[in-house]
Amino acid sequence: MFRVSLVVLLLASAAFAAEPATDAEKLVGFWKPVSIVCEGREQLPKGQADDFTLVIKDGEYRLYKVLDKAKDEHVRLISAELVLNAKLMTFEWNVVTGPRKGEKYHGLYAKKDGQLQLCYGPADKPRPTQLESTSSNGMYLETWVPEKK
């Protein structure tokens, strides 16, 4: 009986240890865009989704563009410090490199059905209340899926 209890305890411990400790850790990884909408209009050029990669790691949002796939050359377009609030499903980021360095953004996020959605706008505008981008709200809505290696 003791062995069975010990095995169950060890299996349960391993299951909990395998779960990410924080909500931010659940978003860590390499992501490919499905859609990038601004003010209700698609911004992702057709056939170019593979040219972009979002990396969420170490509390950062990093966006890369492939320059030459054959040579595995890419350029980092943006790096931003990323702070998530798992309870409210909100985030804030402060751009630290790239053409928008120093700008701050805030928004909402959701991860479901294998997709990550980010809806955001400049910090000087009210935070979005829904995951949507319309011509009147001026928000971005990005949809990402995990990169397949």
C-alpha atoms as a PDB file:
ATOM      1  CA  MET A   1       0.000   0.000   0.000  1.00  0.00           C
ATOM      2  CA  PHE A   2       2.853   2.390   0.849  1.00  0.00           C
ATOM      3  CA  ARG A   3       4.467   1.800  -2.571  1.00  0.00           C
ATOM      4  CA  VAL A   4       1.236   2.557  -4.411  1.00  0.00           C
ATOM      5  CA  SER A   5       0.762   5.774  -2.418  1.00  0.00           C
ATOM      6  CA  LEU A   6       4.378   6.773  -3.056  1.00  0.00           C
ATOM      7  CA  VAL A   7       4.019   6.153  -6.808  1.00  0.00           C
ATOM      8  CA  VAL A   8       0.812   8.217  -6.936  1.00  0.00           C
ATOM      9  CA  LEU A   9       2.486  11.011  -4.972  1.00  0.00           C
ATOM     10  CA  LEU A  10       5.522  10.995  -7.272  1.00  0.00           C
ATOM     11  CA  LEU A  11       3.353  11.034 -10.406  1.00  0.00           C
ATOM     12  CA  ALA A  12       1.263  13.895  -9.046  1.00  0.00           C
ATOM     13  CA  SER A  13       4.411  15.839  -8.145  1.00  0.00           C
ATOM     14  CA  ALA A  14       5.835  15.337 -11.636  1.00  0.00           C
ATOM     15  CA  ALA A  15       2.584  16.536 -13.221  1.00  0.00           C
ATOM     16  CA  PHE A  16       2.606  19.720 -11.154  1.00  0.00           C
ATOM     17  CA  ALA A  17       6.310  20.291 -11.784  1.00  0.00           C
ATOM     18  CA  ALA A  18       5.750  20.068 -15.552  1.00  0.00           C
ATOM     19  CA  GLU A  19       3.142  22.846 -15.479  1.00  0.00           C
ATOM     20  CA  PRO A  20       4.465  26.356 -16.077  1.00  0.00           C
ATOM     21  CA  ALA A  21       4.708  28.236 -12.790  1.00  0.00           C
ATOM     22  CA  THR A  22       3.303  31.508 -14.111  1.00  0.00           C
ATOM     23  CA  ASP A  23       1.009  32.685 -16.846  1.00  0.00           C
ATOM     24  CA  ALA A  24       3.975  34.365 -18.519  1.00  0.00           C
ATOM     25  CA  GLU A  25       5.712  30.994 -18.787  1.00  0.00           C
ATOM     26  CA  LYS A  26       2.701  29.608 -20.667  1.00  0.00           C
ATOM     27  CA  LEU A  27       3.353  32.183 -23.391  1.00  0.00           C
ATOM     28  CA  VAL A  28       7.091  31.527 -23.661  1.00  0.00           C
ATOM     29  CA  GLY A  29       8.093  30.265 -27.068  1.00  0.00           C
ATOM     30  CA  PHE A  30       8.341  30.961 -30.754  1.00  0.00           C
ATOM     31  CA  TRP A  31       5.154  32.130 -32.496  1.00  0.00           C
ATOM     32  CA  LYS A  32       4.157  32.636 -36.134  1.00  0.00           C
ATOM     33  CA  PRO A  33       1.531  35.187 -37.183  1.00  0.00           C
ATOM     34  CA  VAL A  34      -1.882  34.212 -38.484  1.00  0.00           C
ATOM     35  CA  SER A  35      -3.218  37.746 -38.623  1.00  0.00           C
ATOM     36  CA  ILE A  36      -2.104  41.273 -37.707  1.00  0.00           C
ATOM     37  CA  VAL A  37      -4.951  43.748 -37.850  1.00  0.00           C
ATOM     38  CA  CYS A  38      -4.759  47.505 -37.233  1.00  0.00           C
ATOM     39  CA  GLU A  39      -7.871  49.683 -37.217  1.00  0.00           C
ATOM     40  CA  GLY A  40      -9.849  46.814 -38.683  1.00  0.00           C
ATOM     41  CA  ARG A  41      -7.512  46.204 -41.648  1.00  0.00           C
ATOM     42  CA  GLU A  42      -5.200  43.243 -42.169  1.00  0.00           C
ATOM     43  CA  GLN A  43      -1.536  44.310 -42.102  1.00  0.00           C
ATOM     44  CA  LEU A  44       0.158  40.948 -42.688  1.00  0.00           C
ATOM     45  CA  PRO A  45       1.105  40.676 -46.369  1.00  0.00           C
ATOM     46  CA  LYS A  46      -0.228  37.514 -48.031  1.00  0.00           C
ATOM     47  CA  GLY A  47       2.330  34.735 -48.141  1.00  0.00           C
ATOM     48  CA  GLN A  48       4.699  36.468 -45.724  1.00  0.00           C
ATOM     49  CA  ALA A  49       3.634  34.931 -42.402  1.00  0.00           C
ATOM     50  CA  ASP A  50       6.744  32.714 -42.384  1.00  0.00           C
ATOM     51  CA  ASP A  51       8.918  35.829 -42.622  1.00  0.00           C
ATOM     52  CA  PHE A  52       8.016  36.901 -39.083  1.00  0.00           C
ATOM     53  CA  THR A  53       8.621  35.283 -35.705  1.00  0.00           C
ATOM     54  CA  LEU A  54       7.537  36.460 -32.279  1.00  0.00           C
ATOM     55  CA  VAL A  55       9.676  35.258 -29.389  1.00  0.00           C
ATOM     56  CA  ILE A  56       8.394  35.600 -25.845  1.00  0.00           C
ATOM     57  CA  LYS A  57      11.143  34.804 -23.395  1.00  0.00           C
ATOM     58  CA  ASP A  58      12.715  36.202 -20.228  1.00  0.00           C
ATOM     59  CA  GLY A  59       9.976  38.817 -19.813  1.00  0.00           C
ATOM     60  CA  GLU A  60      10.472  40.151 -23.323  1.00  0.00           C
ATOM     61  CA  TYR A  61       8.437  40.458 -26.510  1.00  0.00           C
ATOM     62  CA  ARG A  62      10.822  40.186 -29.492  1.00  0.00           C
ATOM     63  CA  LEU A  63       9.724  40.430 -33.110  1.00  0.00           C
ATOM     64  CA  TYR A  64      12.024  39.180 -35.891  1.00  0.00           C
ATOM     65  CA  LYS A  65      11.869  39.339 -39.694  1.00  0.00           C
ATOM     66  CA  VAL A  66      13.687  36.829 -41.898  1.00  0.00           C
ATOM     67  CA  LEU A  67      16.093  38.419 -44.368  1.00  0.00           C
ATOM     68  CA  ASP A  68      17.401  35.246 -46.013  1.00  0.00           C
ATOM     69  CA  LYS A  69      15.865  31.870 -45.139  1.00  0.00           C
ATOM     70  CA  ALA A  70      18.648  29.881 -46.810  1.00  0.00           C
ATOM     71  CA  LYS A  71      21.307  31.608 -44.711  1.00  0.00           C
ATOM     72  CA  ASP A  72      19.091  31.761 -41.592  1.00  0.00           C
ATOM     73  CA  GLU A  73      19.571  35.535 -41.459  1.00  0.00           C
ATOM     74  CA  HIS A  74      17.074  37.681 -39.637  1.00  0.00           C
ATOM     75  CA  VAL A  75      16.773  41.101 -38.043  1.00  0.00           C
ATOM     76  CA  ARG A  76      15.157  42.018 -34.753  1.00  0.00           C
ATOM     77  CA  LEU A  77      12.461  44.599 -35.458  1.00  0.00           C
ATOM     78  CA  ILE A  78      11.494  45.278 -31.878  1.00  0.00           C
ATOM     79  CA  SER A  79      12.288  44.290 -28.309  1.00  0.00           C
ATOM     80  CA  ALA A  80       9.999  45.244 -25.472  1.00  0.00           C
ATOM     81  CA  GLU A  81       9.857  44.527 -21.754  1.00  0.00           C
ATOM     82  CA  LEU A  82       6.679  42.507 -21.216  1.00  0.00           C
ATOM     83  CA  VAL A  83       4.653  42.521 -17.998  1.00  0.00           C
ATOM     84  CA  LEU A  84       1.568  40.296 -17.746  1.00  0.00           C
ATOM     85  CA  ASN A  85      -1.292  40.351 -15.263  1.00  0.00           C
ATOM     86  CA  ALA A  86      -2.714  36.836 -15.417  1.00  0.00           C
ATOM     87  CA  LYS A  87      -5.679  37.668 -13.203  1.00  0.00           C
ATOM     88  CA  LEU A  88      -6.917  40.457 -15.490  1.00  0.00           C
ATOM     89  CA  MET A  89      -5.447  38.963 -18.710  1.00  0.00           C
ATOM     90  CA  THR A  90      -3.745  42.288 -19.420  1.00  0.00           C
ATOM     91  CA  PHE A  91      -0.230  43.221 -20.430  1.00  0.00           C
ATOM     92  CA  GLU A  92       2.039  46.201 -20.744  1.00  0.00           C
ATOM     93  CA  TRP A  93       5.197  46.579 -22.734  1.00  0.00           C
ATOM     94  CA  ASN A  94       7.895  49.190 -22.966  1.00  0.00           C
ATOM     95  CA  VAL A  95       9.804  49.212 -26.266  1.00  0.00           C
ATOM     96  CA  VAL A  96      13.556  49.067 -25.577  1.00  0.00           C
ATOM     97  CA  THR A  97      14.948  48.647 -29.125  1.00  0.00           C
ATOM     98  CA  GLY A  98      13.715  49.452 -32.592  1.00  0.00           C
ATOM     99  CA  PRO A  99      12.183  52.490 -34.234  1.00  0.00           C
ATOM    100  CA  ARG A 100       9.559  52.840 -31.490  1.00  0.00           C
ATOM    101  CA  LYS A 101      12.083  52.792 -28.640  1.00  0.00           C
ATOM    102  CA  GLY A 102      10.664  54.426 -25.518  1.00  0.00           C
ATOM    103  CA  GLU A 103       7.022  53.960 -26.507  1.00  0.00           C
ATOM    104  CA  LYS A 104       4.676  52.164 -24.130  1.00  0.00           C
ATOM    105  CA  TYR A 105       1.702  49.987 -25.016  1.00  0.00           C
ATOM    106  CA  HIS A 106      -0.957  48.161 -23.048  1.00  0.00           C
ATOM    107  CA  GLY A 107      -3.642  45.674 -23.885  1.00  0.00           C
ATOM    108  CA  LEU A 108      -5.415  42.372 -23.371  1.00  0.00           C
ATOM    109  CA  TYR A 109      -4.330  38.857 -24.218  1.00  0.00           C
ATOM    110  CA  ALA A 110      -5.896  35.429 -24.502  1.00  0.00           C
ATOM    111  CA  LYS A 111      -4.498  32.000 -25.187  1.00  0.00           C
ATOM    112  CA  LYS A 112      -6.966  29.375 -26.282  1.00  0.00           C
ATOM    113  CA  ASP A 113      -7.284  26.665 -28.898  1.00  0.00           C
ATOM    114  CA  GLY A 114      -3.527  26.829 -29.454  1.00  0.00           C
ATOM    115  CA  GLN A 115      -3.598  30.489 -30.456  1.00  0.00           C
ATOM    116  CA  LEU A 116      -2.296  33.595 -28.735  1.00  0.00           C
ATOM    117  CA  GLN A 117      -4.191  36.822 -29.268  1.00  0.00           C
ATOM    118  CA  LEU A 118      -2.846  40.239 -28.318  1.00  0.00           C
ATOM    119  CA  CYS A 119      -4.998  43.358 -28.564  1.00  0.00           C
ATOM    120  CA  TYR A 120      -3.237  46.622 -27.745  1.00  0.00           C
ATOM    121  CA  GLY A 121      -2.760  50.301 -28.324  1.00  0.00           C
ATOM    122  CA  PRO A 122      -0.583  53.158 -27.101  1.00  0.00           C
ATOM    123  CA  ALA A 123      -0.488  53.677 -23.332  1.00  0.00           C
ATOM    124  CA  ASP A 124      -1.841  57.205 -23.733  1.00  0.00           C
ATOM    125  CA  LYS A 125      -5.128  55.706 -25.017  1.00  0.00           C
ATOM    126  CA  PRO A 126      -7.527  53.693 -22.865  1.00  0.00           C
ATOM    127  CA  ARG A 127      -6.698  49.981 -22.637  1.00  0.00           C
ATOM    128  CA  PRO A 128      -8.917  47.932 -24.982  1.00  0.00           C
ATOM    129  CA  THR A 129     -11.838  46.207 -23.295  1.00  0.00           C
ATOM    130  CA  GLN A 130     -12.309  43.527 -25.960  1.00  0.00           C
ATOM    131  CA  LEU A 131     -10.083  41.522 -28.276  1.00  0.00           C
ATOM    132  CA  GLU A 132     -10.996  43.476 -31.406  1.00  0.00           C
ATOM    133  CA  SER A 133      -9.562  45.988 -33.836  1.00  0.00           C
ATOM    134  CA  THR A 134     -11.995  48.299 -35.605  1.00  0.00           C
ATOM    135  CA  SER A 135     -11.606  51.376 -37.762  1.00  0.00           C
ATOM    136  CA  SER A 136     -12.850  53.469 -34.845  1.00  0.00           C
ATOM    137  CA  ASN A 137     -10.849  52.059 -31.904  1.00  0.00           C
ATOM    138  CA  GLY A 138      -7.330  52.371 -33.375  1.00  0.00           C
ATOM    139  CA  MET A 139      -6.179  49.108 -31.766  1.00  0.00           C
ATOM    140  CA  TYR A 140      -3.972  46.313 -33.036  1.00  0.00           C
ATOM    141  CA  LEU A 141      -5.128  42.699 -32.863  1.00  0.00           C
ATOM    142  CA  GLU A 142      -2.459  40.065 -33.435  1.00  0.00           C
ATOM    143  CA  THR A 143      -3.158  36.344 -33.659  1.00  0.00           C
ATOM    144  CA  TRP A 144      -0.226  33.925 -33.337  1.00  0.00           C
ATOM    145  CA  VAL A 145       0.242  30.143 -33.404  1.00  0.00           C
ATOM    146  CA  PRO A 146       3.216  28.185 -32.067  1.00  0.00           C
ATOM    147  CA  GLU A 147       6.039  27.822 -34.559  1.00  0.00           C
ATOM    148  CA  LYS A 148       6.405  24.292 -35.906  1.00  0.00           C
ATOM    149  CA  LYS A 149      10.016  23.156 -35.870  1.00  0.00           C
END
